[in-house]
C-alpha atoms as a PDB file:
ATOM      1  CA  UNK A   1     -21.040  79.875  -0.670  1.00  0.00           C
ATOM      2  CA  UNK A   2     -17.584  78.378  -1.021  1.00  0.00           C
ATOM      3  CA  UNK A   3     -16.806  79.457   2.507  1.00  0.00           C
ATOM      4  CA  UNK A   4     -19.799  77.484   3.893  1.00  0.00           C
ATOM      5  CA  UNK A   5     -18.826  74.356   1.991  1.00  0.00           C
ATOM      6  CA  UNK A   6     -15.241  74.461   3.184  1.00  0.00           C
ATOM      7  CA  UNK A   7     -16.399  75.038   6.782  1.00  0.00           C
ATOM      8  CA  UNK A   8     -18.593  71.951   6.553  1.00  0.00           C
ATOM      9  CA  UNK A   9     -15.721  69.868   5.246  1.00  0.00           C
ATOM     10  CA  UNK A  10     -13.467  71.136   8.004  1.00  0.00           C
ATOM     11  CA  UNK A  11     -16.116  70.351  10.565  1.00  0.00           C
ATOM     12  CA  UNK A  12     -16.566  66.841   9.188  1.00  0.00           C
ATOM     13  CA  UNK A  13     -12.814  66.309   8.992  1.00  0.00           C
ATOM     14  CA  UNK A  14     -12.471  67.507  12.571  1.00  0.00           C
ATOM     15  CA  UNK A  15     -15.165  65.157  13.867  1.00  0.00           C
ATOM     16  CA  UNK A  16     -14.099  62.016  11.997  1.00  0.00           C
ATOM     17  CA  UNK A  17     -10.986  61.331  14.088  1.00  0.00           C
ATOM     18  CA  UNK A  18     -13.028  61.676  17.274  1.00  0.00           C
ATOM     19  CA  UNK A  19     -15.672  59.269  15.975  1.00  0.00           C
ATOM     20  CA  UNK A  20     -13.002  56.826  14.905  1.00  0.00           C
ATOM     21  CA  UNK A  21     -11.710  56.818  18.476  1.00  0.00           C
ATOM     22  CA  UNK A  22     -15.153  55.935  19.779  1.00  0.00           C
ATOM     23  CA  UNK A  23     -15.680  53.113  17.322  1.00  0.00           C
ATOM     24  CA  UNK A  24     -12.151  51.750  17.708  1.00  0.00           C
ATOM     25  CA  UNK A  25     -11.902  52.086  21.495  1.00  0.00           C
ATOM     26  CA  UNK A  26     -10.254  48.815  22.587  1.00  0.00           C
ATOM     27  CA  UNK A  27     -11.671  49.029  26.127  1.00  0.00           C
ATOM     28  CA  UNK A  28     -15.235  49.433  24.867  1.00  0.00           C
ATOM     29  CA  UNK A  29     -14.688  46.676  22.315  1.00  0.00           C
ATOM     30  CA  UNK A  30     -13.378  44.218  24.921  1.00  0.00           C
ATOM     31  CA  UNK A  31     -16.224  45.109  27.271  1.00  0.00           C
ATOM     32  CA  UNK A  32     -18.729  44.521  24.461  1.00  0.00           C
ATOM     33  CA  UNK A  33     -17.116  41.155  23.634  1.00  0.00           C
ATOM     34  CA  UNK A  34     -17.238  40.257  27.321  1.00  0.00           C
ATOM     35  CA  UNK A  35     -20.940  41.124  27.441  1.00  0.00           C
ATOM     36  CA  UNK A  36     -21.662  38.889  24.450  1.00  0.00           C
ATOM     37  CA  UNK A  37     -19.726  36.006  26.002  1.00  0.00           C
ATOM     38  CA  UNK A  38     -21.473  36.574  29.340  1.00  0.00           C
ATOM     39  CA  UNK A  39     -24.881  36.472  27.646  1.00  0.00           C
ATOM     40  CA  UNK A  40     -23.878  33.160  26.033  1.00  0.00           C
ATOM     41  CA  UNK A  41     -22.991  31.742  29.460  1.00  0.00           C
ATOM     42  CA  UNK A  42     -19.265  31.654  28.719  1.00  0.00           C
ATOM     43  CA  UNK A  43     -18.215  33.249  32.006  1.00  0.00           C
ATOM     44  CA  UNK A  44     -14.534  32.250  31.830  1.00  0.00           C
ATOM     45  CA  UNK A  45     -13.989  34.002  28.510  1.00  0.00           C
ATOM     46  CA  UNK A  46     -16.195  36.932  29.524  1.00  0.00           C
ATOM     47  CA  UNK A  47     -14.066  37.383  32.638  1.00  0.00           C
ATOM     48  CA  UNK A  48     -10.912  37.299  30.505  1.00  0.00           C
ATOM     49  CA  UNK A  49     -12.256  40.031  28.195  1.00  0.00           C
ATOM     50  CA  UNK A  50     -13.378  42.211  31.091  1.00  0.00           C
ATOM     51  CA  UNK A  51      -9.997  41.843  32.786  1.00  0.00           C
ATOM     52  CA  UNK A  52      -8.194  42.678  29.537  1.00  0.00           C
ATOM     53  CA  UNK A  53     -10.274  45.845  29.315  1.00  0.00           C
ATOM     54  CA  UNK A  54      -9.650  46.511  32.997  1.00  0.00           C
ATOM     55  CA  UNK A  55      -5.888  46.373  32.450  1.00  0.00           C
ATOM     56  CA  UNK A  56      -6.292  49.375  30.125  1.00  0.00           C
ATOM     57  CA  UNK A  57      -8.911  51.171  32.261  1.00  0.00           C
ATOM     58  CA  UNK A  58      -8.340  50.010  35.852  1.00  0.00           C
ATOM     59  CA  UNK A  59     -10.704  52.534  37.421  1.00  0.00           C
ATOM     60  CA  UNK A  60     -13.711  52.060  35.124  1.00  0.00           C
ATOM     61  CA  UNK A  61     -16.690  51.355  37.418  1.00  0.00           C
ATOM     62  CA  UNK A  62     -18.669  49.467  34.751  1.00  0.00           C
ATOM     63  CA  UNK A  63     -15.745  47.087  34.272  1.00  0.00           C
ATOM     64  CA  UNK A  64     -15.571  46.445  38.029  1.00  0.00           C
ATOM     65  CA  UNK A  65     -19.282  45.666  37.945  1.00  0.00           C
ATOM     66  CA  UNK A  66     -18.926  43.345  34.937  1.00  0.00           C
ATOM     67  CA  UNK A  67     -15.905  41.557  36.424  1.00  0.00           C
ATOM     68  CA  UNK A  68     -17.913  41.135  39.631  1.00  0.00           C
ATOM     69  CA  UNK A  69     -20.822  39.620  37.708  1.00  0.00           C
ATOM     70  CA  UNK A  70     -18.553  37.130  35.920  1.00  0.00           C
ATOM     71  CA  UNK A  71     -16.856  36.165  39.192  1.00  0.00           C
ATOM     72  CA  UNK A  72     -20.275  35.744  40.813  1.00  0.00           C
ATOM     73  CA  UNK A  73     -21.412  33.403  38.033  1.00  0.00           C
ATOM     74  CA  UNK A  74     -18.225  31.379  38.537  1.00  0.00           C
ATOM     75  CA  UNK A  75     -18.985  31.067  42.270  1.00  0.00           C
ATOM     76  CA  UNK A  76     -16.024  33.223  43.289  1.00  0.00           C
ATOM     77  CA  UNK A  77     -18.082  35.311  45.700  1.00  0.00           C
ATOM     78  CA  UNK A  78     -15.364  36.935  47.865  1.00  0.00           C
ATOM     79  CA  UNK A  79     -13.629  38.246  44.744  1.00  0.00           C
ATOM     80  CA  UNK A  80     -16.949  39.396  43.295  1.00  0.00           C
ATOM     81  CA  UNK A  81     -17.596  41.355  46.498  1.00  0.00           C
ATOM     82  CA  UNK A  82     -14.388  43.336  45.997  1.00  0.00           C
ATOM     83  CA  UNK A  83     -15.354  44.270  42.448  1.00  0.00           C
ATOM     84  CA  UNK A  84     -18.925  45.216  43.398  1.00  0.00           C
ATOM     85  CA  UNK A  85     -17.547  47.428  46.171  1.00  0.00           C
ATOM     86  CA  UNK A  86     -15.363  49.304  43.684  1.00  0.00           C
ATOM     87  CA  UNK A  87     -18.285  49.711  41.281  1.00  0.00           C
ATOM     88  CA  UNK A  88     -20.587  50.983  44.047  1.00  0.00           C
ATOM     89  CA  UNK A  89     -18.124  53.598  45.275  1.00  0.00           C
ATOM     90  CA  UNK A  90     -17.734  55.297  41.883  1.00  0.00           C
ATOM     91  CA  UNK A  91     -20.540  57.802  42.383  1.00  0.00           C
ATOM     92  CA  UNK A  92     -22.998  56.507  39.776  1.00  0.00           C
ATOM     93  CA  UNK A  93     -26.205  55.902  41.753  1.00  0.00           C
ATOM     94  CA  UNK A  94     -27.774  53.480  39.267  1.00  0.00           C
ATOM     95  CA  UNK A  95     -24.615  51.389  39.143  1.00  0.00           C
ATOM     96  CA  UNK A  96     -24.290  51.569  42.939  1.00  0.00           C
ATOM     97  CA  UNK A  97     -27.830  50.205  43.378  1.00  0.00           C
ATOM     98  CA  UNK A  98     -27.051  47.303  41.036  1.00  0.00           C
ATOM     99  CA  UNK A  99     -23.698  46.645  42.716  1.00  0.00           C
ATOM    100  CA  UNK A 100     -25.315  46.648  46.179  1.00  0.00           C
ATOM    101  CA  UNK A 101     -27.992  44.267  44.907  1.00  0.00           C
ATOM    102  CA  UNK A 102     -25.366  41.867  43.545  1.00  0.00           C
ATOM    103  CA  UNK A 103     -23.333  42.225  46.733  1.00  0.00           C
ATOM    104  CA  UNK A 104     -26.456  41.101  48.575  1.00  0.00           C
ATOM    105  CA  UNK A 105     -26.766  38.152  46.188  1.00  0.00           C
ATOM    106  CA  UNK A 106     -23.133  37.207  46.820  1.00  0.00           C
ATOM    107  CA  UNK A 107     -23.577  37.286  50.579  1.00  0.00           C
ATOM    108  CA  UNK A 108     -26.791  35.301  50.225  1.00  0.00           C
ATOM    109  CA  UNK A 109     -24.959  32.591  48.296  1.00  0.00           C
ATOM    110  CA  UNK A 110     -22.293  32.569  51.013  1.00  0.00           C
ATOM    111  CA  UNK A 111     -25.119  32.113  53.572  1.00  0.00           C
ATOM    112  CA  UNK A 112     -24.209  35.402  55.250  1.00  0.00           C
ATOM    113  CA  UNK A 113     -27.803  36.497  55.476  1.00  0.00           C
ATOM    114  CA  UNK A 114     -27.364  39.549  57.730  1.00  0.00           C
ATOM    115  CA  UNK A 115     -24.885  41.030  55.252  1.00  0.00           C
ATOM    116  CA  UNK A 116     -27.243  40.175  52.392  1.00  0.00           C
ATOM    117  CA  UNK A 117     -30.062  42.009  54.185  1.00  0.00           C
ATOM    118  CA  UNK A 118     -27.824  45.045  54.706  1.00  0.00           C
ATOM    119  CA  UNK A 119     -26.925  45.298  51.031  1.00  0.00           C
ATOM    120  CA  UNK A 120     -30.441  44.711  49.726  1.00  0.00           C
ATOM    121  CA  UNK A 121     -31.498  47.572  52.004  1.00  0.00           C
ATOM    122  CA  UNK A 122     -28.702  49.770  50.597  1.00  0.00           C
ATOM    123  CA  UNK A 123     -29.879  48.958  47.094  1.00  0.00           C
ATOM    124  CA  UNK A 124     -33.451  49.864  48.033  1.00  0.00           C
ATOM    125  CA  UNK A 125     -32.323  53.164  49.588  1.00  0.00           C
ATOM    126  CA  UNK A 126     -31.098  54.176  46.134  1.00  0.00           C
ATOM    127  CA  UNK A 127     -33.869  52.512  44.123  1.00  0.00           C
ATOM    128  CA  UNK A 128     -36.935  51.973  46.343  1.00  0.00           C
ATOM    129  CA  UNK A 129     -39.003  50.637  43.426  1.00  0.00           C
ATOM    130  CA  UNK A 130     -36.735  47.646  42.702  1.00  0.00           C
ATOM    131  CA  UNK A 131     -39.118  44.689  43.036  1.00  0.00           C
ATOM    132  CA  UNK A 132     -36.361  42.085  42.806  1.00  0.00           C
ATOM    133  CA  UNK A 133     -34.437  43.729  45.647  1.00  0.00           C
ATOM    134  CA  UNK A 134     -37.619  43.711  47.747  1.00  0.00           C
ATOM    135  CA  UNK A 135     -38.172  40.010  47.023  1.00  0.00           C
ATOM    136  CA  UNK A 136     -34.555  39.142  47.795  1.00  0.00           C
ATOM    137  CA  UNK A 137     -34.671  41.210  50.984  1.00  0.00           C
ATOM    138  CA  UNK A 138     -37.709  39.266  52.185  1.00  0.00           C
ATOM    139  CA  UNK A 139     -36.058  35.962  51.321  1.00  0.00           C
ATOM    140  CA  UNK A 140     -32.826  36.971  53.083  1.00  0.00           C
ATOM    141  CA  UNK A 141     -34.791  38.049  56.168  1.00  0.00           C
ATOM    142  CA  UNK A 142     -36.575  34.700  56.147  1.00  0.00           C
ATOM    143  CA  UNK A 143     -33.272  32.810  55.854  1.00  0.00           C
ATOM    144  CA  UNK A 144     -31.718  34.968  58.580  1.00  0.00           C
ATOM    145  CA  UNK A 145     -34.631  34.187  60.883  1.00  0.00           C
ATOM    146  CA  UNK A 146     -34.288  30.448  60.163  1.00  0.00           C
ATOM    147  CA  UNK A 147     -30.540  30.624  60.719  1.00  0.00           C
ATOM    148  CA  UNK A 148     -30.967  32.416  64.051  1.00  0.00           C
ATOM    149  CA  UNK A 149     -33.608  29.918  65.198  1.00  0.00           C
ATOM    150  CA  UNK A 150     -31.314  27.038  64.305  1.00  0.00           C
ATOM    151  CA  UNK A 151     -28.400  28.634  66.166  1.00  0.00           C
ATOM    152  CA  UNK A 152     -30.613  29.192  69.213  1.00  0.00           C
ATOM    153  CA  UNK A 153     -31.781  25.563  69.102  1.00  0.00           C
ATOM    154  CA  UNK A 154     -28.207  24.334  68.797  1.00  0.00           C
ATOM    155  CA  UNK A 155     -27.172  26.510  71.742  1.00  0.00           C
ATOM    156  CA  UNK A 156     -30.077  25.142  73.799  1.00  0.00           C
ATOM    157  CA  UNK A 157     -29.339  21.539  72.860  1.00  0.00           C
ATOM    158  CA  UNK A 158     -25.686  21.969  73.710  1.00  0.00           C
ATOM    159  CA  UNK A 159     -26.505  23.201  77.208  1.00  0.00           C
ATOM    160  CA  UNK A 160     -29.173  20.538  77.863  1.00  0.00           C
ATOM    161  CA  UNK A 161     -27.345  17.589  76.365  1.00  0.00           C
ATOM    162  CA  UNK A 162     -23.730  18.012  77.387  1.00  0.00           C
ATOM    163  CA  UNK A 163     -21.661  14.999  76.586  1.00  0.00           C
ATOM    164  CA  UNK A 164     -24.007  13.704  73.877  1.00  0.00           C
ATOM    165  CA  UNK A 165     -22.765  13.575  70.338  1.00  0.00           C
ATOM    166  CA  UNK A 166     -24.606  15.982  68.013  1.00  0.00           C
ATOM    167  CA  UNK A 167     -25.766  14.712  64.647  1.00  0.00           C
ATOM    168  CA  UNK A 168     -25.899  16.894  61.589  1.00  0.00           C
ATOM    169  CA  UNK A 169     -28.577  16.943  58.931  1.00  0.00           C
ATOM    170  CA  UNK A 170     -26.395  18.685  56.362  1.00  0.00           C
ATOM    171  CA  UNK A 171     -27.645  16.424  53.592  1.00  0.00           C
ATOM    172  CA  UNK A 172     -31.185  17.792  53.747  1.00  0.00           C
ATOM    173  CA  UNK A 173     -32.102  20.558  51.348  1.00  0.00           C
ATOM    174  CA  UNK A 174     -33.801  23.697  52.471  1.00  0.00           C
ATOM    175  CA  UNK A 175     -37.353  24.050  51.156  1.00  0.00           C
ATOM    176  CA  UNK A 176     -36.734  27.616  49.999  1.00  0.00           C
ATOM    177  CA  UNK A 177     -35.250  27.583  46.533  1.00  0.00           C
ATOM    178  CA  UNK A 178     -32.455  29.960  45.634  1.00  0.00           C
ATOM    179  CA  UNK A 179     -33.936  30.132  42.157  1.00  0.00           C
ATOM    180  CA  UNK A 180     -36.382  32.694  43.520  1.00  0.00           C
ATOM    181  CA  UNK A 181     -33.596  35.251  43.714  1.00  0.00           C
ATOM    182  CA  UNK A 182     -32.334  37.323  40.839  1.00  0.00           C
ATOM    183  CA  UNK A 183     -28.772  36.592  39.861  1.00  0.00           C
END
């Protein structure tokens, strides 16, 4: 009987330090703080927390993904693309699908619709049931089609009206709202 009790105590004493490491993990704590700040819309501070965690765990795919999300929310799309690429290449299929989806969103916001289409398709290859990726793919295809038509019209006008000054209608808003996409 005494032997069983002492074994239990030894087992508990052996596990406690490991549990303490989990609960006191500074990387996990900073990531959690970053997530809370992100959820509150405080993207600057969230980015700071994620980057602090990243300095201690530079190869953590989830941190690359979170840094990418914060950069995306701040409108820093080229930098977000780099982080999403690192997250996608880590081997976790679920994370890769999400990173490809957000890469597509970044390209969409940069009005690089062909690239957006490519990454929404990559996301759907991994997760074919993702409704938001399907919606965003359709929207990106629509925008790509509009962009190509506009380029073709501009090319045609340039050939037919050489010497005339072209006017731009940059002030007009597109009727398709970007709010339809998941961010």
